[in-house]
Amino acid sequence: MKIKIIVHKAEEGGFWAEVPALPGCVSQGETMDEIRDNIREAIELWLETGDEQPIDPSQAEILEMAV
């Protein structure tokens, strides 16, 4: 499976990453190697438990859009 990951430079140093296809799937690391390992682990955990995490409607809004 291939999945897109967005890696950002953190203001305090290091990096943080998010997976747009998996809401709430984020991680951080000091180096690119560390962020790769950490986000892979976050993805694996999200896929194991992600469908069990309820979305709080008072904290989020879900939109569907055709482009």
N, C-alpha and C. Protein backbone atom coordinates (compact mmCIF):
# COMPACT_ATOMS: atom_id res chain seq x y z
N MET A 1 0.85 -1.17 0.00
CA MET A 1 0.00 0.00 0.00
C MET A 1 0.90 1.24 0.00
N LYS A 2 0.56 2.20 -0.83
CA LYS A 2 1.26 3.49 -0.82
C LYS A 2 0.31 4.52 -0.26
N ILE A 3 0.84 5.42 0.55
CA ILE A 3 0.02 6.45 1.17
C ILE A 3 0.83 7.74 1.22
N LYS A 4 0.18 8.86 0.99
CA LYS A 4 0.86 10.15 1.00
C LYS A 4 1.04 10.66 2.43
N ILE A 5 2.23 11.17 2.69
CA ILE A 5 2.59 11.74 3.99
C ILE A 5 3.11 13.14 3.73
N ILE A 6 2.66 14.09 4.52
CA ILE A 6 3.16 15.46 4.43
C ILE A 6 4.09 15.68 5.61
N VAL A 7 5.35 16.03 5.31
CA VAL A 7 6.35 16.28 6.34
C VAL A 7 6.59 17.79 6.42
N HIS A 8 6.51 18.31 7.64
CA HIS A 8 6.70 19.74 7.89
C HIS A 8 7.94 19.92 8.76
N LYS A 9 8.65 21.03 8.55
CA LYS A 9 9.72 21.40 9.48
C LYS A 9 9.07 22.01 10.70
N ALA A 10 9.46 21.55 11.88
CA ALA A 10 8.90 22.06 13.13
C ALA A 10 9.64 23.35 13.51
N GLU A 11 8.91 24.31 14.05
CA GLU A 11 9.51 25.58 14.45
C GLU A 11 10.61 25.39 15.48
N GLU A 12 10.44 24.44 16.38
CA GLU A 12 11.41 24.22 17.44
C GLU A 12 12.55 23.29 17.02
N GLY A 13 12.55 22.89 15.76
CA GLY A 13 13.55 21.97 15.23
C GLY A 13 12.95 20.61 14.99
N GLY A 14 13.56 19.85 14.13
CA GLY A 14 13.03 18.54 13.79
C GLY A 14 11.88 18.66 12.80
N PHE A 15 11.06 17.64 12.77
CA PHE A 15 9.98 17.55 11.79
C PHE A 15 8.72 16.99 12.45
N TRP A 16 7.59 17.26 11.80
CA TRP A 16 6.36 16.58 12.16
C TRP A 16 5.68 16.19 10.87
N ALA A 17 4.92 15.11 10.91
CA ALA A 17 4.29 14.58 9.70
C ALA A 17 2.84 14.26 9.95
N GLU A 18 2.06 14.36 8.88
CA GLU A 18 0.64 14.02 8.93
C GLU A 18 0.27 13.18 7.72
N VAL A 19 -0.78 12.40 7.88
CA VAL A 19 -1.29 11.54 6.81
C VAL A 19 -2.71 12.01 6.51
N PRO A 20 -2.90 12.80 5.46
CA PRO A 20 -4.24 13.35 5.18
C PRO A 20 -5.34 12.30 5.05
N ALA A 21 -5.02 11.14 4.54
CA ALA A 21 -6.02 10.09 4.35
C ALA A 21 -6.45 9.43 5.65
N LEU A 22 -5.68 9.65 6.73
CA LEU A 22 -5.97 9.02 8.02
C LEU A 22 -6.10 10.12 9.07
N PRO A 23 -7.29 10.64 9.28
CA PRO A 23 -7.48 11.76 10.22
C PRO A 23 -6.88 11.49 11.60
N GLY A 24 -6.08 12.43 12.06
CA GLY A 24 -5.46 12.30 13.37
C GLY A 24 -4.17 11.51 13.39
N CYS A 25 -3.75 11.01 12.24
CA CYS A 25 -2.51 10.24 12.16
C CYS A 25 -1.36 11.20 11.95
N VAL A 26 -0.62 11.49 13.03
CA VAL A 26 0.50 12.42 13.00
C VAL A 26 1.64 11.84 13.84
N SER A 27 2.84 12.36 13.60
CA SER A 27 3.99 11.97 14.40
C SER A 27 5.05 13.05 14.26
N GLN A 28 6.13 12.87 15.01
CA GLN A 28 7.23 13.83 14.96
C GLN A 28 8.55 13.09 15.09
N GLY A 29 9.64 13.79 14.72
CA GLY A 29 10.97 13.22 14.85
C GLY A 29 12.02 14.28 14.65
N GLU A 30 13.21 14.01 15.13
CA GLU A 30 14.32 14.97 15.03
C GLU A 30 14.99 14.93 13.67
N THR A 31 14.99 13.78 13.00
CA THR A 31 15.63 13.62 11.69
C THR A 31 14.62 13.02 10.71
N MET A 32 14.95 13.09 9.42
CA MET A 32 14.06 12.48 8.42
C MET A 32 13.97 10.97 8.62
N ASP A 33 15.07 10.34 8.98
CA ASP A 33 15.02 8.89 9.25
C ASP A 33 14.08 8.59 10.41
N GLU A 34 14.18 9.40 11.46
CA GLU A 34 13.32 9.19 12.63
C GLU A 34 11.86 9.45 12.29
N ILE A 35 11.58 10.49 11.51
CA ILE A 35 10.18 10.77 11.17
C ILE A 35 9.61 9.65 10.29
N ARG A 36 10.43 9.10 9.41
CA ARG A 36 9.96 7.97 8.58
C ARG A 36 9.57 6.78 9.46
N ASP A 37 10.43 6.45 10.41
CA ASP A 37 10.13 5.33 11.31
C ASP A 37 8.89 5.62 12.16
N ASN A 38 8.83 6.84 12.70
CA ASN A 38 7.73 7.19 13.60
C ASN A 38 6.39 7.26 12.87
N ILE A 39 6.37 7.84 11.67
CA ILE A 39 5.08 7.94 10.96
C ILE A 39 4.64 6.56 10.46
N ARG A 40 5.60 5.70 10.12
CA ARG A 40 5.23 4.32 9.74
C ARG A 40 4.53 3.62 10.91
N GLU A 41 5.10 3.78 12.11
CA GLU A 41 4.49 3.18 13.29
C GLU A 41 3.11 3.78 13.56
N ALA A 42 2.98 5.11 13.40
CA ALA A 42 1.69 5.76 13.61
C ALA A 42 0.65 5.26 12.61
N ILE A 43 1.05 5.06 11.37
CA ILE A 43 0.13 4.54 10.35
C ILE A 43 -0.32 3.14 10.72
N GLU A 44 0.63 2.30 11.09
CA GLU A 44 0.28 0.92 11.47
C GLU A 44 -0.70 0.90 12.64
N LEU A 45 -0.45 1.72 13.65
CA LEU A 45 -1.36 1.79 14.80
C LEU A 45 -2.72 2.34 14.40
N TRP A 46 -2.73 3.36 13.55
CA TRP A 46 -4.00 3.94 13.10
C TRP A 46 -4.82 2.89 12.36
N LEU A 47 -4.16 2.15 11.47
CA LEU A 47 -4.88 1.13 10.70
C LEU A 47 -5.43 0.03 11.59
N GLU A 48 -4.72 -0.28 12.69
CA GLU A 48 -5.20 -1.29 13.63
C GLU A 48 -6.38 -0.79 14.44
N THR A 49 -6.40 0.51 14.78
CA THR A 49 -7.40 1.02 15.72
C THR A 49 -8.21 2.19 15.20
N GLY A 50 -7.87 2.72 14.04
CA GLY A 50 -8.49 3.95 13.54
C GLY A 50 -9.99 3.91 13.41
N ASP A 51 -10.55 2.79 13.00
CA ASP A 51 -11.99 2.71 12.82
C ASP A 51 -12.72 2.62 14.15
N GLU A 52 -11.99 2.44 15.24
CA GLU A 52 -12.61 2.37 16.56
C GLU A 52 -12.63 3.72 17.27
N GLN A 53 -11.95 4.72 16.70
CA GLN A 53 -11.87 6.02 17.33
C GLN A 53 -13.02 6.89 16.85
N PRO A 54 -13.97 7.20 17.72
CA PRO A 54 -15.12 8.00 17.30
C PRO A 54 -14.72 9.45 17.02
N ILE A 55 -15.44 10.07 16.13
CA ILE A 55 -15.23 11.49 15.83
C ILE A 55 -16.22 12.28 16.66
N ASP A 56 -15.71 13.21 17.43
CA ASP A 56 -16.54 14.09 18.26
C ASP A 56 -17.09 15.20 17.37
N PRO A 57 -18.40 15.20 17.07
CA PRO A 57 -18.96 16.20 16.16
C PRO A 57 -18.83 17.63 16.67
N SER A 58 -18.63 17.83 17.96
CA SER A 58 -18.45 19.19 18.47
C SER A 58 -17.04 19.70 18.21
N GLN A 59 -16.12 18.81 17.85
CA GLN A 59 -14.73 19.18 17.61
C GLN A 59 -14.31 19.08 16.15
N ALA A 60 -15.18 18.56 15.30
CA ALA A 60 -14.79 18.33 13.90
C ALA A 60 -15.99 18.45 13.00
N GLU A 61 -15.71 18.71 11.76
CA GLU A 61 -16.75 18.75 10.74
C GLU A 61 -16.26 17.91 9.57
N ILE A 62 -17.09 17.03 9.06
CA ILE A 62 -16.73 16.17 7.96
C ILE A 62 -17.41 16.70 6.71
N LEU A 63 -16.60 16.92 5.68
CA LEU A 63 -17.11 17.42 4.42
C LEU A 63 -16.75 16.44 3.32
N GLU A 64 -17.63 16.29 2.35
CA GLU A 64 -17.32 15.51 1.15
C GLU A 64 -17.33 16.47 -0.01
N MET A 65 -16.37 16.32 -0.92
CA MET A 65 -16.23 17.27 -2.00
C MET A 65 -15.79 16.54 -3.27
N ALA A 66 -16.40 16.87 -4.36
CA ALA A 66 -15.97 16.35 -5.65
C ALA A 66 -15.11 17.40 -6.31
N VAL A 67 -14.00 16.96 -6.88
CA VAL A 67 -13.11 17.91 -7.57
C VAL A 67 -12.79 17.40 -8.98
